[in-house]
Amino acid sequence: MSVLAIITARGGSKRIPRKNVRPFRGKPMLVWPLQAALTSFLFDEVMVSTEDEEIAAIARQYGASVPFLRSARTADDFTNTPDVLVEVIEAYRARGKRFDTACCIYPTAALLTAEALHEGYQRLLAGPFDTVIPVTKFEYPIGRALIRSASGQIDLQWPENRFQRSQDLPPAYHDAGQFYWFRVEAFLRERVLMGSNTGSILLPESHVQDIDTEADWAMAEWKHQWIFQYDACRSLSKPAGVLGG
């Protein structure tokens, strides 16, 4: 089974300029998920889809391939991720290369680990899903969500939960925004990342962080340092020859 990693790293970023190549704990941001992909040893090829020459150069420097640049059609502010993936898959097929499974990895997924990639891949292989994504639990039950007017008045979004204890409400989850494992043929049929047959793996909240503001960035760096220092200490504490958690 042939496996492709696609890191989607466009050059433009409105909220944090040049976010994909901005230094994050000593390396350009996109290098962290790129290295997680490479060190997982899951992929026949780890490629970066970009229209940006600086991003392409960094990707190649750290071991990824950039066999072609993204077209202008898929490099604007309105292109969605599935369009980028379709372009990549079709470009490879035009070169005579076909992949059975692929993983779309976001270049801002600095908290991504090789272990999470392995867990997602094993879930995909075990079936019956066509796509597997990482999710994390909302910190507080969304069944007690509030709506707020312009004047500041609040009310429950779901009034039927007014007298429900928060611990009695079902948990809710959201996309961790790190990667999407998918079977290529199934993806090409639906052309969506969260299609009709999508499974998931669960990540702890400490391993997930949206990065849209400077405060998000600072929190992500703090989490990253904690995660990787903890993992390093855990590895050092294991007897020689012992793998896994």
Protein backbone atom coordinates (compact mmCIF):
# COMPACT_ATOMS: atom_id res chain seq x y z
CA MET A 1 0.00 0.00 0.00
CA SER A 2 1.51 3.32 -1.08
CA VAL A 3 1.12 6.27 1.29
CA LEU A 4 1.53 10.00 0.65
CA ALA A 5 1.78 12.91 3.09
CA ILE A 6 0.58 16.24 1.73
CA ILE A 7 1.50 19.33 3.74
CA THR A 8 -0.60 22.25 2.51
CA ALA A 9 1.54 25.37 3.01
CA ARG A 10 0.33 28.41 1.14
CA GLY A 11 2.45 31.54 1.33
CA GLY A 12 -0.31 33.98 2.25
CA SER A 13 -1.65 34.43 5.78
CA LYS A 14 -3.82 37.36 6.79
CA ARG A 15 -4.03 37.05 10.58
CA ILE A 16 -0.38 36.18 11.27
CA PRO A 17 1.75 37.17 8.25
CA ARG A 18 4.05 34.44 6.89
CA LYS A 19 2.82 32.15 9.65
CA ASN A 20 4.02 28.95 7.97
CA VAL A 21 7.68 30.05 7.99
CA ARG A 22 7.75 32.24 11.09
CA PRO A 23 10.18 30.86 13.70
CA PHE A 24 8.41 28.68 16.23
CA ARG A 25 10.67 27.52 19.05
CA GLY A 26 13.74 27.82 16.86
CA LYS A 27 12.44 26.43 13.56
CA PRO A 28 10.06 27.61 10.84
CA MET A 29 6.56 26.60 11.90
CA LEU A 30 5.96 24.12 9.08
CA VAL A 31 9.15 22.19 9.95
CA TRP A 32 7.59 20.72 13.10
CA PRO A 33 4.73 18.83 11.40
CA LEU A 34 7.06 18.00 8.50
CA GLN A 35 9.49 16.32 10.87
CA ALA A 36 6.65 14.49 12.64
CA ALA A 37 5.66 13.04 9.27
CA LEU A 38 9.21 12.06 8.36
CA THR A 39 10.02 10.49 11.72
CA SER A 40 6.79 8.47 11.69
CA PHE A 41 8.25 6.42 8.78
CA LEU A 42 4.68 5.90 7.54
CA PHE A 43 5.02 7.59 4.18
CA ASP A 44 6.51 6.68 0.84
CA GLU A 45 6.75 10.41 0.19
CA VAL A 46 6.29 13.56 2.26
CA MET A 47 5.52 16.46 -0.04
CA VAL A 48 4.68 20.12 0.45
CA SER A 49 2.07 21.80 -1.72
CA THR A 50 2.92 25.50 -2.04
CA GLU A 51 3.15 28.33 -4.53
CA ASP A 52 5.83 30.05 -2.43
CA GLU A 53 9.52 29.67 -3.31
CA GLU A 54 10.73 30.35 0.25
CA ILE A 55 8.41 27.67 1.65
CA ALA A 56 9.53 25.25 -1.07
CA ALA A 57 13.19 25.86 -0.21
CA ILE A 58 12.61 25.30 3.52
CA ALA A 59 10.63 22.13 2.81
CA ARG A 60 13.42 20.69 0.69
CA GLN A 61 16.06 21.73 3.25
CA TYR A 62 14.30 19.68 5.93
CA GLY A 63 13.71 16.59 3.82
CA ALA A 64 10.35 17.00 2.09
CA SER A 65 9.78 16.91 -1.65
CA VAL A 66 8.27 19.71 -3.71
CA PRO A 67 7.88 18.07 -7.12
CA PHE A 68 5.73 20.91 -8.46
CA LEU A 69 4.42 24.28 -7.30
CA ARG A 70 0.77 24.92 -6.59
CA SER A 71 -1.17 26.58 -9.39
CA ALA A 72 -2.52 30.13 -9.11
CA ARG A 73 -6.02 28.63 -9.06
CA THR A 74 -5.39 26.89 -5.74
CA ALA A 75 -3.21 29.58 -4.15
CA ASP A 76 -5.75 32.34 -3.47
CA ASP A 77 -7.65 33.21 -0.29
CA PHE A 78 -10.78 31.33 -1.35
CA THR A 79 -9.43 27.89 -2.26
CA ASN A 80 -10.45 25.11 0.08
CA THR A 81 -8.22 22.23 1.15
CA PRO A 82 -9.99 19.50 -0.91
CA ASP A 83 -9.28 21.48 -4.10
CA VAL A 84 -5.58 21.53 -3.20
CA LEU A 85 -5.56 17.79 -2.50
CA VAL A 86 -7.30 16.97 -5.77
CA GLU A 87 -4.72 19.05 -7.65
CA VAL A 88 -1.86 17.20 -5.92
CA ILE A 89 -3.31 13.73 -6.54
CA GLU A 90 -4.03 14.49 -10.19
CA ALA A 91 -0.56 15.98 -10.71
CA TYR A 92 1.04 12.81 -9.34
CA ARG A 93 -1.15 10.62 -11.54
CA ALA A 94 -0.12 12.65 -14.57
CA ARG A 95 3.45 11.70 -13.63
CA GLY A 96 2.53 8.03 -13.34
CA LYS A 97 2.42 7.86 -9.51
CA ARG A 98 -0.65 6.61 -7.66
CA PHE A 99 -1.24 6.35 -3.91
CA ASP A 100 -3.73 4.20 -2.03
CA THR A 101 -3.91 6.35 1.08
CA ALA A 102 -2.84 9.87 1.91
CA CYS A 103 -2.65 12.20 4.87
CA CYS A 104 -3.29 15.91 4.60
CA ILE A 105 -1.21 17.66 7.26
CA TYR A 106 -1.58 21.32 8.12
CA PRO A 107 1.69 23.31 8.24
CA THR A 108 0.61 25.04 11.46
CA ALA A 109 0.13 21.73 13.32
CA ALA A 110 3.25 22.29 15.41
CA LEU A 111 1.89 20.07 18.21
CA LEU A 112 1.53 17.09 15.88
CA THR A 113 3.35 13.92 16.96
CA ALA A 114 4.41 10.84 15.04
CA GLU A 115 2.42 8.82 17.58
CA ALA A 116 -0.82 10.59 16.65
CA LEU A 117 -0.14 9.94 12.96
CA HIS A 118 0.37 6.25 13.71
CA GLU A 119 -2.82 6.03 15.73
CA GLY A 120 -4.82 7.67 12.95
CA TYR A 121 -3.33 5.42 10.30
CA GLN A 122 -4.03 2.26 12.28
CA ARG A 123 -7.63 3.39 12.77
CA LEU A 124 -7.97 3.91 9.02
CA LEU A 125 -6.48 0.50 8.20
CA ALA A 126 -8.70 -1.24 10.75
CA GLY A 127 -11.78 0.04 8.96
CA PRO A 128 -14.52 0.69 8.20
CA PHE A 129 -13.76 4.38 7.72
CA ASP A 130 -12.70 6.20 4.56
CA THR A 131 -11.32 9.16 6.53
CA VAL A 132 -9.88 9.45 10.04
CA ILE A 133 -9.26 12.76 11.80
CA PRO A 134 -8.07 13.74 15.29
CA VAL A 135 -10.65 15.40 17.54
CA THR A 136 -10.56 16.83 21.03
CA LYS A 137 -13.29 17.42 23.59
CA PHE A 138 -14.74 20.86 24.25
CA GLU A 139 -13.53 22.00 27.65
CA TYR A 140 -17.07 22.84 28.81
CA PRO A 141 -20.32 21.14 27.68
CA ILE A 142 -21.66 23.08 24.72
CA GLY A 143 -25.19 22.18 25.79
CA ARG A 144 -24.86 25.07 28.27
CA ALA A 145 -23.67 27.53 25.61
CA LEU A 146 -24.87 31.13 25.89
CA ILE A 147 -25.92 33.59 23.22
CA ARG A 148 -25.22 37.29 23.81
CA SER A 149 -26.90 40.29 22.24
CA ALA A 150 -25.22 43.55 21.24
CA SER A 151 -26.47 45.09 24.49
CA GLY A 152 -24.85 42.34 26.54
CA GLN A 153 -28.02 40.43 27.41
CA ILE A 154 -27.50 36.67 27.56
CA ASP A 155 -29.66 33.59 27.28
CA LEU A 156 -29.13 29.89 26.86
CA GLN A 157 -28.69 28.76 23.28
CA TRP A 158 -30.59 25.59 24.21
CA PRO A 159 -33.13 26.60 26.90
CA GLU A 160 -34.19 22.98 27.37
CA ASN A 161 -30.90 22.44 29.23
CA ARG A 162 -31.56 25.19 31.79
CA PHE A 163 -31.96 22.77 34.68
CA GLN A 164 -29.49 20.14 33.49
CA ARG A 165 -26.28 19.77 35.45
CA SER A 166 -23.25 20.31 33.23
CA GLN A 167 -21.87 16.88 34.18
CA ASP A 168 -25.08 15.25 32.91
CA LEU A 169 -24.82 16.74 29.43
CA PRO A 170 -23.16 14.65 26.71
CA PRO A 171 -19.61 15.67 25.74
CA ALA A 172 -19.02 17.35 22.41
CA TYR A 173 -15.91 17.28 20.24
CA HIS A 174 -14.26 19.43 17.59
CA ASP A 175 -11.73 18.90 14.82
CA ALA A 176 -8.19 19.23 16.18
CA GLY A 177 -7.08 20.82 12.90
CA GLN A 178 -3.91 18.77 12.50
CA PHE A 179 -4.32 16.05 9.88
CA TYR A 180 -6.78 14.02 7.79
CA TRP A 181 -6.02 10.44 6.83
CA PHE A 182 -8.03 9.29 3.82
CA ARG A 183 -8.41 6.56 1.25
CA VAL A 184 -7.64 8.28 -2.02
CA GLU A 185 -10.37 6.77 -4.19
CA ALA A 186 -13.07 7.44 -1.59
CA PHE A 187 -11.88 11.04 -1.24
CA LEU A 188 -11.96 11.59 -5.00
CA ARG A 189 -15.58 10.42 -5.08
CA GLU A 190 -16.81 12.83 -2.37
CA ARG A 191 -14.10 15.52 -2.49
CA VAL A 192 -14.61 16.50 1.14
CA LEU A 193 -12.37 15.83 4.14
CA MET A 194 -15.14 15.02 6.58
CA GLY A 195 -17.31 12.85 4.38
CA SER A 196 -20.09 10.36 5.01
CA ASN A 197 -17.79 7.72 6.51
CA THR A 198 -15.41 9.55 8.83
CA GLY A 199 -13.85 8.13 11.99
CA SER A 200 -11.71 9.75 14.63
CA ILE A 201 -9.01 9.44 17.23
CA LEU A 202 -9.10 11.44 20.45
CA LEU A 203 -6.34 13.88 21.40
CA PRO A 204 -6.00 15.54 24.81
CA GLU A 205 -6.78 19.24 24.91
CA SER A 206 -3.15 19.90 25.85
CA HIS A 207 -2.06 18.67 22.40
CA VAL A 208 -4.37 20.95 20.41
CA GLN A 209 -4.13 24.68 19.72
CA ASP A 210 -5.57 26.95 17.04
CA ILE A 211 -3.04 29.63 16.12
CA ASP A 212 -4.82 32.73 14.83
CA THR A 213 -3.54 35.43 17.22
CA GLU A 214 -0.31 36.31 19.02
CA ALA A 215 -1.85 34.98 22.25
CA ASP A 216 -2.58 31.67 20.47
CA TRP A 217 1.02 31.58 19.28
CA ALA A 218 2.41 32.06 22.78
CA MET A 219 0.11 29.35 24.16
CA ALA A 220 1.13 26.95 21.38
CA GLU A 221 4.82 27.46 22.13
CA TRP A 222 4.20 26.83 25.83
CA LYS A 223 2.26 23.62 25.06
CA HIS A 224 4.90 22.51 22.56
CA GLN A 225 7.69 22.90 25.07
CA TRP A 226 5.71 20.99 27.69
CA ILE A 227 4.76 18.15 25.31
CA PHE A 228 8.22 17.54 23.92
CA GLN A 229 10.06 17.95 27.21
CA TYR A 230 7.64 15.48 28.78
CA ASP A 231 8.10 13.01 25.92
CA ALA A 232 11.89 13.31 26.16
CA CYS A 233 11.83 12.68 29.91
CA ARG A 234 9.48 9.73 29.45
CA SER A 235 11.80 8.19 26.84
CA LEU A 236 14.83 8.58 29.09
CA SER A 237 12.99 6.87 31.95
CA LYS A 238 12.28 3.69 29.94
CA PRO A 239 14.54 0.65 30.11
CA ALA A 240 16.68 0.07 27.01
CA GLY A 241 14.78 -1.64 24.20
CA VAL A 242 11.30 -0.70 25.48
CA LEU A 243 9.10 1.07 22.93
CA GLY A 244 5.68 2.62 23.14
CA GLY A 245 3.74 4.19 25.99
